[in-house]
């Protein structure tokens, strides 16, 4: 582990810790975020790790007698929890939606508190094109991708892609399969880009080669090491494979090459716990996987059901090893090539 992440702080403290689960009350999230958070709190008690949950919509932090606390401002009776270098912060909320939410992470990181994942990781992975640039820098395989720079220049971007229809159009942000559109003709490309711009002038989009597959793979990488993977079949009468859209996943065994590249992808985005999505190559033993995106708040519901793994317990136990706690003050220099 230390060989893979040599710049992590080495503390040699294999002991219980406190942790905070920052979540978001999103009724449209099929992963049932509060249920997941409650499961982490329950599993933490079993190993002596005290947990605290707080909805990002009401979370804030302040100092009292030179000690930092995080507050649950939405609780009927406002409660607080001590956060320091012995506290791990799990981010299970879309913090990049609002600057004030992201700034809470920065406030904690400036105290050298480890966040899973850091603001840097959350911002990189929330932008699909930025993620593609990072993966390209690390020479990881992915579909050819171009950014649409202007709402009237969709066809110009298509020419730069140098491919044939159908192609995939993606909004730069979005999850659960939302904002991923199959484009079959020049006419639909131009009109779709213009409609999206009309709905949100600040919305960015990209174009990608469409790779026809019967399934994709979601891999959970924790602390730099693959925890496990699921195969997600393409939904009937659709081209997507998201569990939120009805895909029924099954446990999936990775090749050594796929494991190696998934761990490299997680490292590329500074991910302590990420979901890495890829399409398998034709020769999985010899050809690298084709990465689609990386999720910094990967869901656990479908993964648990398919693998029968207690991922909450496994993750909490994994972080008993303080060697993998990534301190934000080091992030700027950790992955320089």
Protein backbone atom coordinates (compact mmCIF):
# COMPACT_ATOMS: atom_id res chain seq x y z
CA UNK A 1 0.00 0.00 0.00
CA UNK A 2 2.74 2.46 0.91
CA UNK A 3 4.46 1.69 -2.41
CA UNK A 4 1.37 2.84 -4.31
CA UNK A 5 0.82 5.99 -2.27
CA UNK A 6 4.26 6.85 -0.98
CA UNK A 7 3.34 10.46 -0.18
CA UNK A 8 0.60 9.58 2.27
CA UNK A 9 1.39 10.53 5.84
CA UNK A 10 2.79 7.52 7.66
CA UNK A 11 1.48 7.43 11.21
CA UNK A 12 1.49 3.71 12.03
CA UNK A 13 -1.66 4.12 14.09
CA UNK A 14 -3.85 1.10 13.52
CA UNK A 15 -6.54 2.10 15.97
CA UNK A 16 -10.17 3.32 16.06
CA UNK A 17 -10.96 6.86 14.95
CA UNK A 18 -13.91 9.23 14.86
CA UNK A 19 -15.70 9.88 11.59
CA UNK A 20 -18.31 12.19 10.09
CA UNK A 21 -20.71 11.20 7.32
CA UNK A 22 -21.72 14.29 5.34
CA UNK A 23 -24.75 13.35 3.28
CA UNK A 24 -27.53 14.98 1.27
CA UNK A 25 -31.26 14.37 1.65
CA UNK A 26 -32.07 13.73 -2.01
CA UNK A 27 -35.42 11.90 -2.37
CA UNK A 28 -34.62 11.10 -6.01
CA UNK A 29 -31.42 9.22 -5.14
CA UNK A 30 -32.22 5.47 -5.45
CA UNK A 31 -29.17 4.64 -3.34
CA UNK A 32 -31.04 5.80 -0.19
CA UNK A 33 -28.21 8.01 1.10
CA UNK A 34 -29.40 8.32 4.70
CA UNK A 35 -29.77 4.55 4.98
CA UNK A 36 -26.18 4.14 3.79
CA UNK A 37 -24.98 6.71 6.31
CA UNK A 38 -26.86 5.02 9.16
CA UNK A 39 -25.26 1.73 8.17
CA UNK A 40 -21.78 3.27 8.43
CA UNK A 41 -22.61 4.67 11.88
CA UNK A 42 -23.84 1.24 13.00
CA UNK A 43 -20.82 -0.62 11.62
CA UNK A 44 -18.52 1.96 13.21
CA UNK A 45 -19.85 1.17 16.66
CA UNK A 46 -18.85 -2.46 16.21
CA UNK A 47 -15.19 -1.57 15.79
CA UNK A 48 -15.04 1.29 18.27
CA UNK A 49 -15.28 4.13 15.73
CA UNK A 50 -17.72 6.83 16.80
CA UNK A 51 -19.66 8.37 13.93
CA UNK A 52 -21.69 11.52 13.37
CA UNK A 53 -24.00 12.23 10.45
CA UNK A 54 -24.90 15.65 9.09
CA UNK A 55 -26.91 16.78 6.07
CA UNK A 56 -24.75 19.07 3.93
CA UNK A 57 -27.69 21.48 3.64
CA UNK A 58 -27.34 22.34 7.32
CA UNK A 59 -23.68 21.56 8.00
CA UNK A 60 -21.24 24.22 9.16
CA UNK A 61 -18.02 24.35 11.14
CA UNK A 62 -16.64 26.65 13.83
CA UNK A 63 -13.91 26.92 16.44
CA UNK A 64 -14.51 26.75 20.18
CA UNK A 65 -11.51 27.15 22.48
CA UNK A 66 -9.22 26.46 19.51
CA UNK A 67 -10.99 23.18 18.78
CA UNK A 68 -12.90 22.68 15.53
CA UNK A 69 -16.41 21.29 15.51
CA UNK A 70 -18.86 20.42 12.78
CA UNK A 71 -22.50 21.29 13.44
CA UNK A 72 -25.79 19.79 12.31
CA UNK A 73 -27.77 22.96 11.77
CA UNK A 74 -30.90 21.11 10.63
CA UNK A 75 -31.29 19.01 13.78
CA UNK A 76 -34.22 19.83 16.04
CA UNK A 77 -31.68 20.34 18.79
CA UNK A 78 -28.47 21.59 17.18
CA UNK A 79 -25.62 19.17 17.79
CA UNK A 80 -21.88 19.34 17.22
CA UNK A 81 -19.01 16.90 16.78
CA UNK A 82 -15.28 17.40 17.37
CA UNK A 83 -13.18 17.15 14.22
CA UNK A 84 -9.39 17.00 14.32
CA UNK A 85 -6.53 14.97 12.86
CA UNK A 86 -8.04 11.82 14.40
CA UNK A 87 -11.31 12.40 12.53
CA UNK A 88 -12.14 11.11 9.07
CA UNK A 89 -14.71 12.99 6.96
CA UNK A 90 -16.70 10.88 4.49
CA UNK A 91 -18.36 13.00 1.80
CA UNK A 92 -21.57 11.36 0.61
CA UNK A 93 -23.10 14.53 -0.83
CA UNK A 94 -22.86 16.41 -4.15
CA UNK A 95 -20.82 19.21 -2.59
CA UNK A 96 -19.79 20.67 -5.96
CA UNK A 97 -23.36 21.85 -6.55
CA UNK A 98 -22.77 24.86 -4.31
CA UNK A 99 -19.61 26.79 -3.55
CA UNK A 100 -20.61 27.08 0.11
CA UNK A 101 -20.74 23.28 0.39
CA UNK A 102 -17.34 22.90 -1.27
CA UNK A 103 -15.96 25.63 0.96
CA UNK A 104 -16.88 23.56 4.02
CA UNK A 105 -14.45 20.92 2.76
CA UNK A 106 -11.75 23.52 2.31
CA UNK A 107 -12.38 24.81 5.83
CA UNK A 108 -11.84 21.29 7.18
CA UNK A 109 -8.88 20.51 4.93
CA UNK A 110 -7.07 23.65 6.06
CA UNK A 111 -7.03 22.05 9.51
CA UNK A 112 -5.25 19.07 7.91
CA UNK A 113 -8.32 16.87 8.32
CA UNK A 114 -8.60 13.94 5.91
CA UNK A 115 -11.68 14.01 3.66
CA UNK A 116 -12.89 11.03 1.66
CA UNK A 117 -12.84 12.48 -0.91
CA UNK A 118 -11.00 15.81 -1.03
CA UNK A 119 -12.43 18.92 -2.67
CA UNK A 120 -9.87 18.50 -5.45
CA UNK A 121 -11.05 14.95 -6.17
CA UNK A 122 -14.72 15.96 -6.02
CA UNK A 123 -14.20 18.85 -8.44
CA UNK A 124 -12.16 16.85 -10.93
CA UNK A 125 -14.60 13.94 -11.06
CA UNK A 126 -17.71 16.15 -11.19
CA UNK A 127 -16.48 17.53 -14.52
CA UNK A 128 -16.45 14.78 -17.14
CA UNK A 129 -14.12 16.61 -19.49
CA UNK A 130 -11.68 17.50 -16.76
CA UNK A 131 -11.69 13.84 -15.74
CA UNK A 132 -10.90 12.85 -19.34
CA UNK A 133 -7.95 15.25 -19.38
CA UNK A 134 -6.55 13.78 -16.17
CA UNK A 135 -6.95 10.22 -17.44
CA UNK A 136 -5.25 11.20 -20.69
CA UNK A 137 -2.32 12.69 -18.75
CA UNK A 138 -1.88 9.32 -17.07
CA UNK A 139 -2.09 7.51 -20.43
CA UNK A 140 -5.25 5.60 -19.49
CA UNK A 141 -7.51 4.41 -22.30
CA UNK A 142 -10.88 6.12 -22.88
CA UNK A 143 -13.23 6.93 -25.76
CA UNK A 144 -12.11 9.78 -27.98
CA UNK A 145 -13.59 12.95 -26.47
CA UNK A 146 -14.02 16.55 -27.62
CA UNK A 147 -15.47 19.57 -25.86
CA UNK A 148 -18.26 21.57 -27.51
CA UNK A 149 -17.05 25.14 -27.06
CA UNK A 150 -20.10 26.94 -28.45
CA UNK A 151 -23.80 26.04 -28.68
CA UNK A 152 -23.78 26.75 -32.43
CA UNK A 153 -20.64 24.70 -33.12
CA UNK A 154 -21.83 21.18 -32.38
CA UNK A 155 -21.11 20.02 -35.93
CA UNK A 156 -17.63 21.56 -35.83
CA UNK A 157 -16.95 19.56 -32.65
CA UNK A 158 -18.28 16.43 -34.38
CA UNK A 159 -15.84 16.95 -37.26
CA UNK A 160 -13.00 17.18 -34.73
CA UNK A 161 -14.15 13.90 -33.22
CA UNK A 162 -13.50 12.32 -36.63
CA UNK A 163 -15.97 9.47 -36.29
CA UNK A 164 -19.39 8.32 -37.53
CA UNK A 165 -22.84 8.46 -35.96
CA UNK A 166 -24.13 7.38 -33.54
CA UNK A 167 -22.10 9.23 -30.92
CA UNK A 168 -22.60 10.04 -27.26
CA UNK A 169 -23.30 13.56 -25.97
CA UNK A 170 -22.76 14.20 -22.27
CA UNK A 171 -23.34 17.21 -20.09
CA UNK A 172 -20.16 18.01 -18.17
CA UNK A 173 -21.95 17.42 -14.88
CA UNK A 174 -24.59 14.87 -14.00
CA UNK A 175 -24.92 11.42 -12.50
CA UNK A 176 -27.19 8.36 -12.44
CA UNK A 177 -27.18 8.31 -16.24
CA UNK A 178 -28.81 11.74 -16.48
CA UNK A 179 -27.28 13.98 -19.14
CA UNK A 180 -26.04 11.13 -21.34
CA UNK A 181 -27.67 11.20 -24.78
CA UNK A 182 -27.28 9.04 -27.88
CA UNK A 183 -27.04 11.19 -31.03
CA UNK A 184 -27.79 9.57 -34.41
CA UNK A 185 -27.72 12.42 -36.93
CA UNK A 186 -26.28 15.87 -37.62
CA UNK A 187 -29.76 17.36 -37.21
CA UNK A 188 -30.28 15.86 -33.77
CA UNK A 189 -26.79 16.92 -32.68
CA UNK A 190 -27.32 20.58 -33.51
CA UNK A 191 -30.81 20.77 -32.04
CA UNK A 192 -29.87 18.89 -28.86
CA UNK A 193 -26.90 21.14 -28.12
CA UNK A 194 -29.05 24.23 -28.67
CA UNK A 195 -31.88 22.94 -26.48
CA UNK A 196 -29.48 22.13 -23.64
CA UNK A 197 -27.98 25.60 -23.92
CA UNK A 198 -31.47 27.10 -23.86
CA UNK A 199 -32.30 25.20 -20.69
CA UNK A 200 -29.03 26.26 -19.05
CA UNK A 201 -26.71 28.71 -20.84
CA UNK A 202 -23.90 27.71 -18.48
CA UNK A 203 -24.23 24.00 -19.21
CA UNK A 204 -21.18 22.51 -20.90
CA UNK A 205 -21.31 19.44 -23.15
CA UNK A 206 -18.85 17.04 -24.71
CA UNK A 207 -18.99 14.46 -27.48
CA UNK A 208 -17.58 10.95 -27.36
CA UNK A 209 -17.19 7.97 -29.63
CA UNK A 210 -20.01 5.53 -28.93
CA UNK A 211 -18.68 2.13 -27.92
CA UNK A 212 -21.34 -0.55 -28.26
CA UNK A 213 -21.19 -2.88 -25.28
CA UNK A 214 -23.51 -5.33 -23.60
CA UNK A 215 -22.34 -4.19 -20.17
CA UNK A 216 -20.00 -1.88 -18.31
CA UNK A 217 -18.11 -2.42 -15.06
CA UNK A 218 -18.19 -0.41 -11.84
CA UNK A 219 -15.15 -0.90 -9.61
CA UNK A 220 -14.90 0.33 -6.03
CA UNK A 221 -11.33 1.42 -5.25
CA UNK A 222 -10.66 2.10 -1.57
CA UNK A 223 -7.40 3.47 -0.25
CA UNK A 224 -5.73 2.85 -3.59
CA UNK A 225 -6.72 -0.84 -3.76
CA UNK A 226 -9.60 -2.46 -5.65
CA UNK A 227 -12.29 -3.67 -3.25
CA UNK A 228 -14.46 -5.38 -5.85
CA UNK A 229 -16.43 -4.95 -9.04
CA UNK A 230 -19.87 -5.40 -10.53
CA UNK A 231 -20.98 -5.97 -14.11
CA UNK A 232 -23.90 -3.70 -15.11
CA UNK A 233 -25.82 -4.98 -18.16
CA UNK A 234 -27.21 -2.41 -20.58
CA UNK A 235 -30.86 -1.66 -19.77
CA UNK A 236 -33.37 -3.15 -22.22
CA UNK A 237 -34.34 -0.67 -24.96
CA UNK A 238 -31.63 1.72 -23.76
CA UNK A 239 -27.90 2.15 -24.27
CA UNK A 240 -27.07 2.95 -20.63
CA UNK A 241 -26.28 0.57 -17.80
CA UNK A 242 -26.89 2.60 -14.63
CA UNK A 243 -28.42 0.72 -11.71
CA UNK A 244 -30.63 3.78 -11.15
CA UNK A 245 -32.15 3.16 -14.60
CA UNK A 246 -32.95 -0.48 -13.93
CA UNK A 247 -29.74 -2.38 -14.67
CA UNK A 248 -29.42 -5.46 -12.46
CA UNK A 249 -25.73 -5.85 -11.58
CA UNK A 250 -23.85 -9.04 -10.81
CA UNK A 251 -20.49 -9.61 -9.15
CA UNK A 252 -17.61 -9.44 -11.62
CA UNK A 253 -14.06 -10.76 -11.48
CA UNK A 254 -11.39 -8.43 -12.85
CA UNK A 255 -8.24 -9.35 -14.70
CA UNK A 256 -4.87 -8.33 -13.29
CA UNK A 257 -4.56 -5.71 -16.02
CA UNK A 258 -7.98 -4.23 -15.18
CA UNK A 259 -7.10 -4.08 -11.49
CA UNK A 260 -3.82 -2.32 -12.25
CA UNK A 261 -5.46 0.29 -14.48
CA UNK A 262 -8.40 0.93 -12.13
CA UNK A 263 -6.00 1.60 -9.28
CA UNK A 264 -4.05 3.96 -11.54
CA UNK A 265 -7.28 5.80 -12.43
CA UNK A 266 -8.21 6.25 -8.77
CA UNK A 267 -4.73 7.53 -8.01
CA UNK A 268 -4.90 9.95 -10.96
CA UNK A 269 -7.85 11.81 -9.38
CA UNK A 270 -6.53 11.60 -5.79
CA UNK A 271 -9.41 9.26 -4.94
CA UNK A 272 -9.50 7.58 -1.55
CA UNK A 273 -12.85 5.89 -2.26
CA UNK A 274 -14.12 6.14 -5.82
CA UNK A 275 -16.23 4.22 -8.28
CA UNK A 276 -14.31 3.66 -11.52
CA UNK A 277 -16.45 2.84 -14.57
CA UNK A 278 -15.09 1.19 -17.68
CA UNK A 279 -15.95 -0.80 -20.79
CA UNK A 280 -14.04 -4.09 -21.10
CA UNK A 281 -11.65 -4.53 -24.01
CA UNK A 282 -11.95 -7.45 -26.43
CA UNK A 283 -8.93 -9.17 -24.92
CA UNK A 284 -9.27 -8.36 -21.22
CA UNK A 285 -6.03 -10.11 -20.31
CA UNK A 286 -3.86 -8.12 -22.70
CA UNK A 287 -5.74 -4.95 -23.67
CA UNK A 288 -6.49 -2.22 -21.10
CA UNK A 289 -10.05 -1.30 -20.12
CA UNK A 290 -11.72 1.74 -21.68
CA UNK A 291 -12.56 4.22 -18.92
CA UNK A 292 -15.87 6.04 -19.03
CA UNK A 293 -15.87 8.15 -15.85
CA UNK A 294 -15.01 8.20 -12.15
CA UNK A 295 -17.53 8.78 -9.38
CA UNK A 296 -16.29 10.32 -6.12
CA UNK A 297 -19.48 9.38 -4.21
CA UNK A 298 -20.16 5.89 -5.57
CA UNK A 299 -23.42 4.22 -4.58
CA UNK A 300 -23.36 1.05 -2.51
CA UNK A 301 -26.87 -0.38 -2.82
CA UNK A 302 -26.46 -2.30 -6.09
CA UNK A 303 -22.88 -3.21 -5.25
CA UNK A 304 -23.81 -4.73 -1.87
CA UNK A 305 -26.66 -6.74 -3.35
CA UNK A 306 -24.53 -8.14 -6.17
CA UNK A 307 -21.34 -8.89 -4.23
CA UNK A 308 -22.83 -9.73 -0.81
CA UNK A 309 -19.97 -7.69 0.65
CA UNK A 310 -20.34 -5.53 3.76
CA UNK A 311 -18.65 -2.58 2.10
CA UNK A 312 -19.40 -0.17 4.97
CA UNK A 313 -17.58 -2.39 7.46
CA UNK A 314 -14.74 -3.07 5.04
CA UNK A 315 -14.17 0.62 4.33
CA UNK A 316 -14.20 1.62 7.99
CA UNK A 317 -11.73 -1.14 8.81
CA UNK A 318 -9.55 -0.19 5.85
CA UNK A 319 -9.10 3.31 7.23
CA UNK A 320 -7.99 1.98 10.60
CA UNK A 321 -4.63 2.08 8.85
CA UNK A 322 -3.70 5.77 9.08
CA UNK A 323 -1.05 5.30 6.40
CA UNK A 324 -3.73 5.81 3.76
CA UNK A 325 -5.16 9.01 5.23
CA UNK A 326 -4.39 11.61 2.59
CA UNK A 327 -3.89 15.08 4.06
CA UNK A 328 -4.98 17.88 1.77
CA UNK A 329 -1.92 20.01 2.47
CA UNK A 330 0.07 17.44 0.50
CA UNK A 331 -2.29 17.01 -2.45
CA UNK A 332 -0.65 19.63 -4.61
CA UNK A 333 2.59 17.67 -4.76
CA UNK A 334 1.56 14.04 -4.38
CA UNK A 335 0.90 13.11 -7.98
CA UNK A 336 3.31 15.31 -9.90
CA UNK A 337 4.88 13.34 -12.69
